[in-house]
Each structure stands twice: as structure tokens, then as C-alpha cells.
All heavy atoms as atom14 arrays in JSON, in Angstrom:
{
  "sequence": "GGGLVQPGGSLRLSCVASANGFSIRDMGWSRQ",
  "atom14_mask": [
    [1, 1, 1, 1, 0, 0, 0, 0, 0, 0, 0, 0, 0, 0],
    [1, 1, 1, 1, 0, 0, 0, 0, 0, 0, 0, 0, 0, 0],
    [1, 1, 1, 1, 0, 0, 0, 0, 0, 0, 0, 0, 0, 0],
    [1, 1, 1, 1, 1, 1, 1, 1, 0, 0, 0, 0, 0, 0],
    [1, 1, 1, 1, 1, 1, 1, 0, 0, 0, 0, 0, 0, 0],
    [1, 1, 1, 1, 1, 1, 1, 1, 1, 0, 0, 0, 0, 0],
    [1, 1, 1, 1, 1, 1, 1, 0, 0, 0, 0, 0, 0, 0],
    [1, 1, 1, 1, 0, 0, 0, 0, 0, 0, 0, 0, 0, 0],
    [1, 1, 1, 1, 0, 0, 0, 0, 0, 0, 0, 0, 0, 0],
    [1, 1, 1, 1, 1, 1, 0, 0, 0, 0, 0, 0, 0, 0],
    [1, 1, 1, 1, 1, 1, 1, 1, 0, 0, 0, 0, 0, 0],
    [1, 1, 1, 1, 1, 1, 1, 1, 1, 1, 1, 0, 0, 0],
    [1, 1, 1, 1, 1, 1, 1, 1, 0, 0, 0, 0, 0, 0],
    [1, 1, 1, 1, 1, 1, 0, 0, 0, 0, 0, 0, 0, 0],
    [1, 1, 1, 1, 1, 1, 0, 0, 0, 0, 0, 0, 0, 0],
    [1, 1, 1, 1, 1, 1, 1, 0, 0, 0, 0, 0, 0, 0],
    [1, 1, 1, 1, 1, 0, 0, 0, 0, 0, 0, 0, 0, 0],
    [1, 1, 1, 1, 1, 1, 0, 0, 0, 0, 0, 0, 0, 0],
    [1, 1, 1, 1, 1, 0, 0, 0, 0, 0, 0, 0, 0, 0],
    [1, 1, 1, 1, 1, 1, 1, 1, 0, 0, 0, 0, 0, 0],
    [1, 1, 1, 1, 0, 0, 0, 0, 0, 0, 0, 0, 0, 0],
    [1, 1, 1, 1, 1, 1, 1, 1, 1, 1, 1, 0, 0, 0],
    [1, 1, 1, 1, 1, 1, 0, 0, 0, 0, 0, 0, 0, 0],
    [1, 1, 1, 1, 1, 1, 1, 1, 0, 0, 0, 0, 0, 0],
    [1, 1, 1, 1, 1, 1, 1, 1, 1, 1, 1, 0, 0, 0],
    [1, 1, 1, 1, 1, 1, 1, 1, 0, 0, 0, 0, 0, 0],
    [1, 1, 1, 1, 1, 1, 1, 1, 0, 0, 0, 0, 0, 0],
    [1, 1, 1, 1, 0, 0, 0, 0, 0, 0, 0, 0, 0, 0],
    [1, 1, 1, 1, 1, 1, 1, 1, 1, 1, 1, 1, 1, 1],
    [1, 1, 1, 1, 1, 1, 0, 0, 0, 0, 0, 0, 0, 0],
    [1, 1, 1, 1, 1, 1, 1, 1, 1, 1, 1, 0, 0, 0],
    [1, 1, 1, 1, 1, 1, 1, 1, 1, 0, 0, 0, 0, 0]
  ],
  "atom14_positions": [
    [[0.73, -1.2, -0.04], [-0.04, -0.01, 0.04], [0.75, 1.29, -0.02], [0.26, 2.39, -0.1], [0.0, 0.0, 0.0], [0.0, 0.0, 0.0], [0.0, 0.0, 0.0], [0.0, 0.0, 0.0], [0.0, 0.0, 0.0], [0.0, 0.0, 0.0], [0.0, 0.0, 0.0], [0.0, 0.0, 0.0], [0.0, 0.0, 0.0], [0.0, 0.0, 0.0]],
    [[2.15, 1.17, 0.07], [2.89, 2.48, 0.05], [2.98, 3.03, -1.35], [2.62, 2.42, -2.31], [0.0, 0.0, 0.0], [0.0, 0.0, 0.0], [0.0, 0.0, 0.0], [0.0, 0.0, 0.0], [0.0, 0.0, 0.0], [0.0, 0.0, 0.0], [0.0, 0.0, 0.0], [0.0, 0.0, 0.0], [0.0, 0.0, 0.0], [0.0, 0.0, 0.0]],
    [[3.49, 4.18, -1.32], [3.62, 4.93, -2.63], [3.83, 6.36, -2.42], [4.2, 6.84, -1.32], [0.0, 0.0, 0.0], [0.0, 0.0, 0.0], [0.0, 0.0, 0.0], [0.0, 0.0, 0.0], [0.0, 0.0, 0.0], [0.0, 0.0, 0.0], [0.0, 0.0, 0.0], [0.0, 0.0, 0.0], [0.0, 0.0, 0.0], [0.0, 0.0, 0.0]],
    [[3.66, 7.09, -3.51], [3.78, 8.52, -3.59], [2.42, 9.26, -3.45], [1.47, 8.87, -4.19], [4.42, 9.0, -4.94], [4.64, 10.45, -5.08], [5.55, 11.11, -4.07], [5.12, 10.74, -6.51], [0.0, 0.0, 0.0], [0.0, 0.0, 0.0], [0.0, 0.0, 0.0], [0.0, 0.0, 0.0], [0.0, 0.0, 0.0], [0.0, 0.0, 0.0]],
    [[2.43, 10.17, -2.54], [1.14, 10.85, -2.32], [1.3, 12.39, -2.05], [2.51, 12.68, -1.48], [0.31, 10.3, -1.24], [1.02, 10.4, 0.18], [-1.08, 10.89, -1.05], [0.0, 0.0, 0.0], [0.0, 0.0, 0.0], [0.0, 0.0, 0.0], [0.0, 0.0, 0.0], [0.0, 0.0, 0.0], [0.0, 0.0, 0.0], [0.0, 0.0, 0.0]],
    [[0.55, 13.23, -2.5], [0.73, 14.67, -2.22], [0.38, 15.07, -0.84], [-0.39, 14.37, -0.13], [-0.22, 15.53, -3.15], [0.19, 15.31, -4.56], [-0.55, 16.23, -5.53], [-1.19, 17.21, -4.98], [-0.61, 16.0, -6.78], [0.0, 0.0, 0.0], [0.0, 0.0, 0.0], [0.0, 0.0, 0.0], [0.0, 0.0, 0.0], [0.0, 0.0, 0.0]],
    [[0.88, 16.08, -0.22], [0.63, 16.58, 1.07], [-0.93, 16.77, 1.28], [-1.55, 17.34, 0.32], [1.35, 17.93, 1.24], [2.46, 17.74, 0.35], [2.1, 16.96, -0.79], [0.0, 0.0, 0.0], [0.0, 0.0, 0.0], [0.0, 0.0, 0.0], [0.0, 0.0, 0.0], [0.0, 0.0, 0.0], [0.0, 0.0, 0.0], [0.0, 0.0, 0.0]],
    [[-1.54, 16.37, 2.3], [-2.88, 16.45, 2.61], [-3.64, 15.19, 2.05], [-4.88, 15.03, 2.34], [0.0, 0.0, 0.0], [0.0, 0.0, 0.0], [0.0, 0.0, 0.0], [0.0, 0.0, 0.0], [0.0, 0.0, 0.0], [0.0, 0.0, 0.0], [0.0, 0.0, 0.0], [0.0, 0.0, 0.0], [0.0, 0.0, 0.0], [0.0, 0.0, 0.0]],
    [[-3.04, 14.36, 1.36], [-3.63, 13.2, 0.83], [-3.74, 12.05, 1.81], [-3.27, 12.16, 2.94], [0.0, 0.0, 0.0], [0.0, 0.0, 0.0], [0.0, 0.0, 0.0], [0.0, 0.0, 0.0], [0.0, 0.0, 0.0], [0.0, 0.0, 0.0], [0.0, 0.0, 0.0], [0.0, 0.0, 0.0], [0.0, 0.0, 0.0], [0.0, 0.0, 0.0]],
    [[-4.18, 10.91, 1.31], [-4.52, 9.79, 2.12], [-3.9, 8.55, 1.6], [-3.74, 8.41, 0.31], [-5.94, 9.56, 2.41], [-6.53, 10.63, 3.17], [0.0, 0.0, 0.0], [0.0, 0.0, 0.0], [0.0, 0.0, 0.0], [0.0, 0.0, 0.0], [0.0, 0.0, 0.0], [0.0, 0.0, 0.0], [0.0, 0.0, 0.0], [0.0, 0.0, 0.0]],
    [[-3.54, 7.65, 2.43], [-2.97, 6.35, 1.97], [-3.36, 5.27, 3.01], [-3.4, 5.57, 4.25], [-1.43, 6.34, 1.86], [-0.7, 5.58, 0.86], [-1.18, 5.86, -0.55], [0.72, 5.85, 0.94], [0.0, 0.0, 0.0], [0.0, 0.0, 0.0], [0.0, 0.0, 0.0], [0.0, 0.0, 0.0], [0.0, 0.0, 0.0], [0.0, 0.0, 0.0]],
    [[-3.66, 4.01, 2.63], [-3.9, 2.95, 3.5], [-2.87, 1.85, 3.35], [-2.68, 1.32, 2.22], [-5.24, 2.34, 3.34], [-5.62, 1.42, 4.48], [-7.02, 0.85, 4.39], [-7.03, -0.39, 3.37], [-7.77, -1.45, 3.68], [-8.47, -1.58, 4.68], [-7.73, -2.5, 2.83], [0.0, 0.0, 0.0], [0.0, 0.0, 0.0], [0.0, 0.0, 0.0]],
    [[-2.12, 1.54, 4.37], [-1.26, 0.45, 4.34], [-1.85, -0.82, 4.85], [-2.62, -0.81, 5.77], [-0.01, 0.73, 5.23], [0.66, 2.12, 4.89], [1.94, 2.19, 5.77], [1.21, 2.11, 3.44], [0.0, 0.0, 0.0], [0.0, 0.0, 0.0], [0.0, 0.0, 0.0], [0.0, 0.0, 0.0], [0.0, 0.0, 0.0], [0.0, 0.0, 0.0]],
    [[-1.39, -1.95, 4.3], [-1.89, -3.26, 4.82], [-0.79, -4.15, 5.07], [0.29, -4.05, 4.52], [-2.8, -3.89, 3.65], [-3.9, -3.16, 3.38], [0.0, 0.0, 0.0], [0.0, 0.0, 0.0], [0.0, 0.0, 0.0], [0.0, 0.0, 0.0], [0.0, 0.0, 0.0], [0.0, 0.0, 0.0], [0.0, 0.0, 0.0], [0.0, 0.0, 0.0]],
    [[-0.99, -5.04, 6.06], [-0.05, -6.11, 6.36], [-0.64, -7.38, 6.74], [-1.63, -7.45, 7.45], [0.83, -5.65, 7.53], [1.95, -6.84, 8.26], [0.0, 0.0, 0.0], [0.0, 0.0, 0.0], [0.0, 0.0, 0.0], [0.0, 0.0, 0.0], [0.0, 0.0, 0.0], [0.0, 0.0, 0.0], [0.0, 0.0, 0.0], [0.0, 0.0, 0.0]],
    [[-0.2, -8.47, 6.07], [-0.67, -9.76, 6.33], [0.28, -10.63, 6.99], [1.45, -10.66, 6.43], [-1.32, -10.41, 5.04], [-0.28, -10.55, 3.88], [-1.91, -11.78, 5.35], [0.0, 0.0, 0.0], [0.0, 0.0, 0.0], [0.0, 0.0, 0.0], [0.0, 0.0, 0.0], [0.0, 0.0, 0.0], [0.0, 0.0, 0.0], [0.0, 0.0, 0.0]],
    [[0.07, -11.29, 8.02], [0.97, -12.12, 8.73], [0.61, -13.63, 8.39], [-0.44, -13.99, 8.54], [0.9, -11.88, 10.26], [0.0, 0.0, 0.0], [0.0, 0.0, 0.0], [0.0, 0.0, 0.0], [0.0, 0.0, 0.0], [0.0, 0.0, 0.0], [0.0, 0.0, 0.0], [0.0, 0.0, 0.0], [0.0, 0.0, 0.0], [0.0, 0.0, 0.0]],
    [[1.62, -14.33, 8.06], [1.56, -15.7, 7.88], [2.21, -16.38, 9.06], [3.55, -16.17, 9.23], [2.32, -16.17, 6.56], [2.27, -17.49, 6.41], [0.0, 0.0, 0.0], [0.0, 0.0, 0.0], [0.0, 0.0, 0.0], [0.0, 0.0, 0.0], [0.0, 0.0, 0.0], [0.0, 0.0, 0.0], [0.0, 0.0, 0.0], [0.0, 0.0, 0.0]],
    [[1.48, -17.05, 9.79], [2.02, -17.65, 11.1], [1.54, -19.04, 11.27], [0.78, -19.31, 12.22], [1.6, -16.68, 12.25], [0.0, 0.0, 0.0], [0.0, 0.0, 0.0], [0.0, 0.0, 0.0], [0.0, 0.0, 0.0], [0.0, 0.0, 0.0], [0.0, 0.0, 0.0], [0.0, 0.0, 0.0], [0.0, 0.0, 0.0], [0.0, 0.0, 0.0]],
    [[2.05, -19.92, 10.51], [1.65, -21.35, 10.61], [2.15, -21.96, 11.93], [3.38, -21.9, 12.21], [2.23, -22.18, 9.49], [1.68, -23.61, 9.46], [0.58, -23.86, 9.88], [2.48, -24.42, 8.82], [0.0, 0.0, 0.0], [0.0, 0.0, 0.0], [0.0, 0.0, 0.0], [0.0, 0.0, 0.0], [0.0, 0.0, 0.0], [0.0, 0.0, 0.0]],
    [[1.23, -22.35, 12.83], [1.59, -22.93, 14.04], [1.81, -21.91, 15.14], [2.29, -22.21, 16.34], [0.0, 0.0, 0.0], [0.0, 0.0, 0.0], [0.0, 0.0, 0.0], [0.0, 0.0, 0.0], [0.0, 0.0, 0.0], [0.0, 0.0, 0.0], [0.0, 0.0, 0.0], [0.0, 0.0, 0.0], [0.0, 0.0, 0.0], [0.0, 0.0, 0.0]],
    [[1.68, -20.63, 14.87], [1.84, -19.48, 15.82], [0.49, -18.76, 15.94], [-0.21, -18.73, 14.96], [2.94, -18.62, 15.34], [4.31, -19.16, 15.51], [4.82, -20.12, 14.61], [5.18, -18.72, 16.55], [6.09, -20.56, 14.75], [6.46, -19.22, 16.58], [6.85, -20.21, 15.76], [0.0, 0.0, 0.0], [0.0, 0.0, 0.0], [0.0, 0.0, 0.0]],
    [[0.31, -18.12, 17.08], [-0.75, -17.17, 17.35], [-0.37, -15.82, 17.44], [0.67, -15.51, 18.15], [-1.45, -17.56, 18.58], [-2.11, -18.9, 18.53], [0.0, 0.0, 0.0], [0.0, 0.0, 0.0], [0.0, 0.0, 0.0], [0.0, 0.0, 0.0], [0.0, 0.0, 0.0], [0.0, 0.0, 0.0], [0.0, 0.0, 0.0], [0.0, 0.0, 0.0]],
    [[-0.93, -14.93, 16.6], [-0.62, -13.54, 16.62], [-1.31, -12.81, 17.74], [-2.47, -12.96, 17.98], [-1.01, -12.88, 15.26], [-0.31, -13.64, 14.13], [-0.7, -11.41, 15.27], [1.17, -13.47, 14.06], [0.0, 0.0, 0.0], [0.0, 0.0, 0.0], [0.0, 0.0, 0.0], [0.0, 0.0, 0.0], [0.0, 0.0, 0.0], [0.0, 0.0, 0.0]],
    [[-0.51, -11.99, 18.45], [-1.08, -11.18, 19.49], [-1.06, -9.67, 19.17], [-1.7, -9.33, 18.22], [-0.35, -11.42, 20.81], [-0.63, -12.9, 21.34], [0.05, -13.34, 22.55], [-0.38, -14.54, 23.14], [-0.05, -15.76, 22.72], [0.84, -15.9, 21.78], [-0.53, -16.84, 23.33], [0.0, 0.0, 0.0], [0.0, 0.0, 0.0], [0.0, 0.0, 0.0]],
    [[-0.24, -8.95, 19.76], [-0.26, -7.55, 19.45], [0.38, -7.23, 18.08], [1.35, -7.96, 17.62], [0.57, -6.64, 20.47], [-0.11, -6.68, 21.84], [-1.29, -7.21, 22.02], [0.44, -6.12, 22.82], [0.0, 0.0, 0.0], [0.0, 0.0, 0.0], [0.0, 0.0, 0.0], [0.0, 0.0, 0.0], [0.0, 0.0, 0.0], [0.0, 0.0, 0.0]],
    [[-0.12, -6.22, 17.37], [0.55, -5.84, 16.13], [0.67, -4.31, 16.19], [0.12, -3.51, 16.98], [-0.5, -6.31, 15.01], [-0.74, -7.8, 14.94], [-1.69, -8.27, 13.48], [-0.46, -8.22, 12.25], [0.0, 0.0, 0.0], [0.0, 0.0, 0.0], [0.0, 0.0, 0.0], [0.0, 0.0, 0.0], [0.0, 0.0, 0.0], [0.0, 0.0, 0.0]],
    [[1.53, -3.93, 15.15], [1.73, -2.44, 15.13], [2.41, -2.07, 13.9], [2.78, -2.79, 12.98], [0.0, 0.0, 0.0], [0.0, 0.0, 0.0], [0.0, 0.0, 0.0], [0.0, 0.0, 0.0], [0.0, 0.0, 0.0], [0.0, 0.0, 0.0], [0.0, 0.0, 0.0], [0.0, 0.0, 0.0], [0.0, 0.0, 0.0], [0.0, 0.0, 0.0]],
    [[2.71, -0.75, 13.76], [3.37, -0.17, 12.69], [4.43, 0.81, 13.22], [4.23, 1.54, 14.24], [2.5, 0.73, 11.84], [1.51, -0.07, 11.03], [0.2, -0.41, 11.33], [1.75, -0.62, 9.69], [-0.33, -1.13, 10.33], [0.57, -1.3, 9.3], [2.8, -0.61, 8.76], [0.41, -2.01, 8.08], [2.67, -1.26, 7.63], [1.47, -1.88, 7.19]],
    [[5.67, 0.74, 12.58], [6.69, 1.65, 13.0], [7.15, 2.29, 11.58], [6.79, 1.73, 10.49], [7.91, 0.94, 13.56], [7.46, 0.36, 14.78], [0.0, 0.0, 0.0], [0.0, 0.0, 0.0], [0.0, 0.0, 0.0], [0.0, 0.0, 0.0], [0.0, 0.0, 0.0], [0.0, 0.0, 0.0], [0.0, 0.0, 0.0], [0.0, 0.0, 0.0]],
    [[8.03, 3.31, 11.65], [8.55, 3.94, 10.43], [9.99, 4.42, 10.79], [10.34, 4.68, 11.89], [7.66, 5.13, 10.03], [7.62, 6.3, 11.0], [6.63, 7.34, 10.45], [6.55, 8.53, 11.38], [5.67, 9.44, 11.24], [4.75, 9.46, 10.23], [5.73, 10.53, 12.12], [0.0, 0.0, 0.0], [0.0, 0.0, 0.0], [0.0, 0.0, 0.0]],
    [[10.68, 4.59, 9.64], [12.01, 5.08, 9.72], [12.33, 5.92, 8.54], [12.29, 5.45, 7.37], [13.03, 3.96, 9.79], [14.46, 4.34, 10.11], [15.41, 3.16, 10.38], [15.19, 2.05, 10.07], [16.45, 3.59, 11.2], [0.0, 0.0, 0.0], [0.0, 0.0, 0.0], [0.0, 0.0, 0.0], [0.0, 0.0, 0.0], [0.0, 0.0, 0.0]]
  ]
}
């Protein structure tokens, strides 16, 4: 979902976790 957008615009990021045999708990987003 990332890309180039003008100031004031909107964007939606998505993330899918593949966790075979694991259970997902807390999730989040960071940036650098």
C-alpha cells in the first residue's frame, strides 16, 4: 500500500501475517 502521495492526501497500508503454528497477539506499525 505504500507509494507517492501529495501533502494532505491519504494512503492505507496493509500487512498480512503468515504464522503457521503460531498465534498472533499485538500488532503495530513503525517507520524510519
